[in-house]
Amino acid sequence: MKYSTQMLFADIIEDESSEDEIDQLFSQLLQIEPPPTLVDDILASIAHLPLPQKIQPVDRDDLEGFFTRSDQQPS
């Protein structure tokens, strides 16, 4: 069956204004301000991490045991 995107998302758009149970639950949570030094602490921690390594391309012949290769494609 093929449905238009308008039909698929119609329920989502209609319900967008109403709160569901999760929204009601989160609205009851106490909102707190993070400590002012939080960003500085996170950045200082990240500064000590090693730099990301470049991913090396995999040689297709190395994958021979993992995959079955077929030169003929079904038509």
N, C-alpha and C. Protein backbone atom coordinates (compact mmCIF):
# COMPACT_ATOMS: atom_id res chain seq x y z
N MET A 1 0.84 -1.18 0.00
CA MET A 1 0.00 0.00 0.00
C MET A 1 0.88 1.23 0.00
N LYS A 2 0.44 2.21 -0.73
CA LYS A 2 1.17 3.47 -0.75
C LYS A 2 0.28 4.55 -0.15
N TYR A 3 0.83 5.29 0.80
CA TYR A 3 0.12 6.37 1.44
C TYR A 3 0.86 7.67 1.14
N SER A 4 0.11 8.72 1.03
CA SER A 4 0.76 10.01 0.83
C SER A 4 1.38 10.45 2.16
N THR A 5 2.39 11.30 2.08
CA THR A 5 3.03 11.78 3.30
C THR A 5 2.06 12.59 4.13
N GLN A 6 1.09 13.21 3.50
CA GLN A 6 0.10 13.96 4.27
C GLN A 6 -0.69 13.02 5.16
N MET A 7 -1.05 11.85 4.66
CA MET A 7 -1.81 10.89 5.47
C MET A 7 -0.93 10.30 6.56
N LEU A 8 0.33 10.01 6.23
CA LEU A 8 1.21 9.39 7.21
C LEU A 8 1.47 10.29 8.40
N PHE A 9 1.63 11.59 8.16
CA PHE A 9 1.97 12.51 9.23
C PHE A 9 0.78 13.30 9.75
N ALA A 10 -0.41 13.00 9.30
CA ALA A 10 -1.60 13.74 9.73
C ALA A 10 -1.81 13.63 11.23
N ASP A 11 -1.68 12.43 11.78
CA ASP A 11 -1.89 12.24 13.22
C ASP A 11 -0.82 12.97 14.03
N ILE A 12 0.39 12.96 13.55
CA ILE A 12 1.48 13.63 14.27
C ILE A 12 1.24 15.13 14.33
N ILE A 13 0.84 15.70 13.22
CA ILE A 13 0.62 17.14 13.16
C ILE A 13 -0.56 17.56 14.03
N GLU A 14 -1.61 16.75 14.03
CA GLU A 14 -2.78 17.08 14.83
C GLU A 14 -2.46 17.02 16.33
N ASP A 15 -1.66 16.04 16.73
CA ASP A 15 -1.36 15.83 18.14
C ASP A 15 -0.19 16.67 18.64
N GLU A 16 0.42 17.44 17.77
CA GLU A 16 1.62 18.19 18.15
C GLU A 16 1.35 19.18 19.26
N SER A 17 0.18 19.76 19.31
CA SER A 17 -0.12 20.77 20.32
C SER A 17 -0.49 20.16 21.67
N SER A 18 -0.91 18.91 21.68
CA SER A 18 -1.32 18.30 22.94
C SER A 18 -0.12 17.64 23.62
N GLU A 19 -0.11 17.67 24.94
CA GLU A 19 0.96 17.04 25.70
C GLU A 19 0.67 15.56 25.89
N ASP A 20 1.68 14.74 25.74
CA ASP A 20 1.49 13.33 26.06
C ASP A 20 2.00 13.08 27.48
N GLU A 21 1.97 11.83 27.90
CA GLU A 21 2.35 11.50 29.28
C GLU A 21 3.81 11.85 29.57
N ILE A 22 4.67 11.67 28.59
CA ILE A 22 6.09 11.99 28.80
C ILE A 22 6.27 13.49 28.99
N ASP A 23 5.59 14.30 28.19
CA ASP A 23 5.67 15.75 28.35
C ASP A 23 5.17 16.17 29.73
N GLN A 24 4.10 15.56 30.18
CA GLN A 24 3.55 15.89 31.50
C GLN A 24 4.55 15.51 32.60
N LEU A 25 5.19 14.34 32.44
CA LEU A 25 6.17 13.90 33.42
C LEU A 25 7.35 14.87 33.47
N PHE A 26 7.89 15.25 32.32
CA PHE A 26 9.03 16.16 32.31
C PHE A 26 8.66 17.55 32.82
N SER A 27 7.44 17.95 32.65
CA SER A 27 7.05 19.27 33.14
C SER A 27 7.01 19.32 34.67
N GLN A 28 6.93 18.14 35.31
CA GLN A 28 6.92 18.08 36.77
C GLN A 28 8.33 18.07 37.38
N LEU A 29 9.34 17.85 36.55
CA LEU A 29 10.70 17.79 37.07
C LEU A 29 11.19 19.16 37.49
N LEU A 30 12.00 19.16 38.51
CA LEU A 30 12.59 20.39 38.99
C LEU A 30 13.68 20.83 38.02
N GLN A 31 13.64 22.07 37.59
CA GLN A 31 14.66 22.59 36.69
C GLN A 31 15.76 23.24 37.52
N ILE A 32 16.98 22.83 37.23
CA ILE A 32 18.11 23.39 37.97
C ILE A 32 19.09 24.02 36.99
N GLU A 33 19.84 24.97 37.47
CA GLU A 33 20.88 25.60 36.67
C GLU A 33 22.17 24.82 36.87
N PRO A 34 22.86 24.51 35.79
CA PRO A 34 24.14 23.81 35.96
C PRO A 34 25.16 24.74 36.60
N PRO A 35 26.16 24.19 37.24
CA PRO A 35 27.19 25.04 37.84
C PRO A 35 27.88 25.88 36.75
N PRO A 36 28.25 27.10 37.06
CA PRO A 36 28.86 27.96 36.05
C PRO A 36 30.15 27.40 35.47
N THR A 37 30.83 26.55 36.21
CA THR A 37 32.10 26.01 35.72
C THR A 37 31.93 24.73 34.90
N LEU A 38 30.70 24.30 34.66
CA LEU A 38 30.47 23.03 33.98
C LEU A 38 31.11 23.01 32.59
N VAL A 39 30.90 24.03 31.80
CA VAL A 39 31.45 24.06 30.45
C VAL A 39 32.98 24.03 30.50
N ASP A 40 33.57 24.81 31.40
CA ASP A 40 35.03 24.81 31.54
C ASP A 40 35.56 23.44 31.96
N ASP A 41 34.85 22.78 32.87
CA ASP A 41 35.26 21.44 33.33
C ASP A 41 35.21 20.43 32.18
N ILE A 42 34.15 20.49 31.38
CA ILE A 42 34.00 19.56 30.25
C ILE A 42 35.09 19.82 29.22
N LEU A 43 35.33 21.08 28.88
CA LEU A 43 36.36 21.40 27.90
C LEU A 43 37.74 21.01 28.39
N ALA A 44 38.02 21.17 29.67
CA ALA A 44 39.30 20.77 30.22
C ALA A 44 39.48 19.26 30.14
N SER A 45 38.41 18.51 30.39
CA SER A 45 38.48 17.05 30.29
C SER A 45 38.71 16.60 28.86
N ILE A 46 38.02 17.24 27.92
CA ILE A 46 38.15 16.87 26.51
C ILE A 46 39.54 17.19 26.00
N ALA A 47 40.15 18.26 26.50
CA ALA A 47 41.47 18.66 26.04
C ALA A 47 42.52 17.57 26.28
N HIS A 48 42.29 16.70 27.27
CA HIS A 48 43.25 15.65 27.59
C HIS A 48 43.04 14.38 26.76
N LEU A 49 41.97 14.31 25.98
CA LEU A 49 41.71 13.12 25.18
C LEU A 49 42.65 13.09 23.98
N PRO A 50 43.01 11.88 23.53
CA PRO A 50 43.86 11.80 22.34
C PRO A 50 43.08 12.24 21.09
N LEU A 51 43.80 12.71 20.11
CA LEU A 51 43.17 13.13 18.86
C LEU A 51 42.62 11.90 18.14
N PRO A 52 41.50 12.06 17.43
CA PRO A 52 40.95 10.93 16.69
C PRO A 52 41.92 10.48 15.59
N GLN A 53 41.97 9.19 15.36
CA GLN A 53 42.84 8.63 14.34
C GLN A 53 42.08 8.49 13.04
N LYS A 54 42.76 8.70 11.95
CA LYS A 54 42.15 8.55 10.63
C LYS A 54 41.86 7.07 10.40
N ILE A 55 40.68 6.77 9.91
CA ILE A 55 40.28 5.39 9.64
C ILE A 55 40.94 4.96 8.33
N GLN A 56 41.63 3.83 8.41
CA GLN A 56 42.30 3.30 7.23
C GLN A 56 41.31 2.53 6.37
N PRO A 57 41.35 2.70 5.04
CA PRO A 57 40.45 1.93 4.18
C PRO A 57 40.77 0.44 4.28
N VAL A 58 39.76 -0.37 4.15
CA VAL A 58 39.92 -1.82 4.25
C VAL A 58 40.14 -2.38 2.84
N ASP A 59 41.12 -3.24 2.73
CA ASP A 59 41.38 -3.90 1.46
C ASP A 59 40.29 -4.95 1.23
N ARG A 60 39.68 -4.94 0.06
CA ARG A 60 38.56 -5.86 -0.21
C ARG A 60 39.00 -7.32 -0.10
N ASP A 61 40.26 -7.59 -0.43
CA ASP A 61 40.73 -8.98 -0.36
C ASP A 61 40.79 -9.47 1.09
N ASP A 62 40.94 -8.56 2.04
CA ASP A 62 40.96 -8.94 3.46
C ASP A 62 39.59 -9.41 3.94
N LEU A 63 38.53 -9.05 3.22
CA LEU A 63 37.17 -9.41 3.61
C LEU A 63 36.70 -10.70 2.96
N GLU A 64 37.58 -11.36 2.25
CA GLU A 64 37.20 -12.55 1.49
C GLU A 64 36.50 -13.60 2.35
N GLY A 65 36.95 -13.82 3.56
CA GLY A 65 36.34 -14.83 4.41
C GLY A 65 35.02 -14.42 5.02
N PHE A 66 34.72 -13.12 5.03
CA PHE A 66 33.49 -12.63 5.65
C PHE A 66 32.31 -12.58 4.68
N PHE A 67 32.59 -12.30 3.41
CA PHE A 67 31.52 -12.08 2.45
C PHE A 67 31.73 -12.97 1.23
N THR A 68 30.63 -13.32 0.59
CA THR A 68 30.68 -14.04 -0.66
C THR A 68 30.47 -13.04 -1.77
N ARG A 69 31.41 -13.01 -2.69
CA ARG A 69 31.32 -12.05 -3.78
C ARG A 69 30.76 -12.75 -5.01
N SER A 70 29.89 -12.06 -5.73
CA SER A 70 29.33 -12.58 -6.96
C SER A 70 29.53 -11.56 -8.05
N ASP A 71 30.16 -11.98 -9.15
CA ASP A 71 30.37 -11.08 -10.28
C ASP A 71 29.11 -10.95 -11.13
N GLN A 72 28.20 -11.89 -10.98
CA GLN A 72 26.98 -11.85 -11.78
C GLN A 72 25.84 -11.31 -10.92
N GLN A 73 25.22 -10.26 -11.41
CA GLN A 73 24.08 -9.67 -10.72
C GLN A 73 22.79 -10.21 -11.31
N PRO A 74 21.78 -10.52 -10.50
CA PRO A 74 20.50 -10.98 -11.05
C PRO A 74 19.85 -9.86 -11.86
N SER A 75 19.22 -10.26 -12.95
CA SER A 75 18.58 -9.24 -13.80
C SER A 75 17.11 -9.11 -13.53
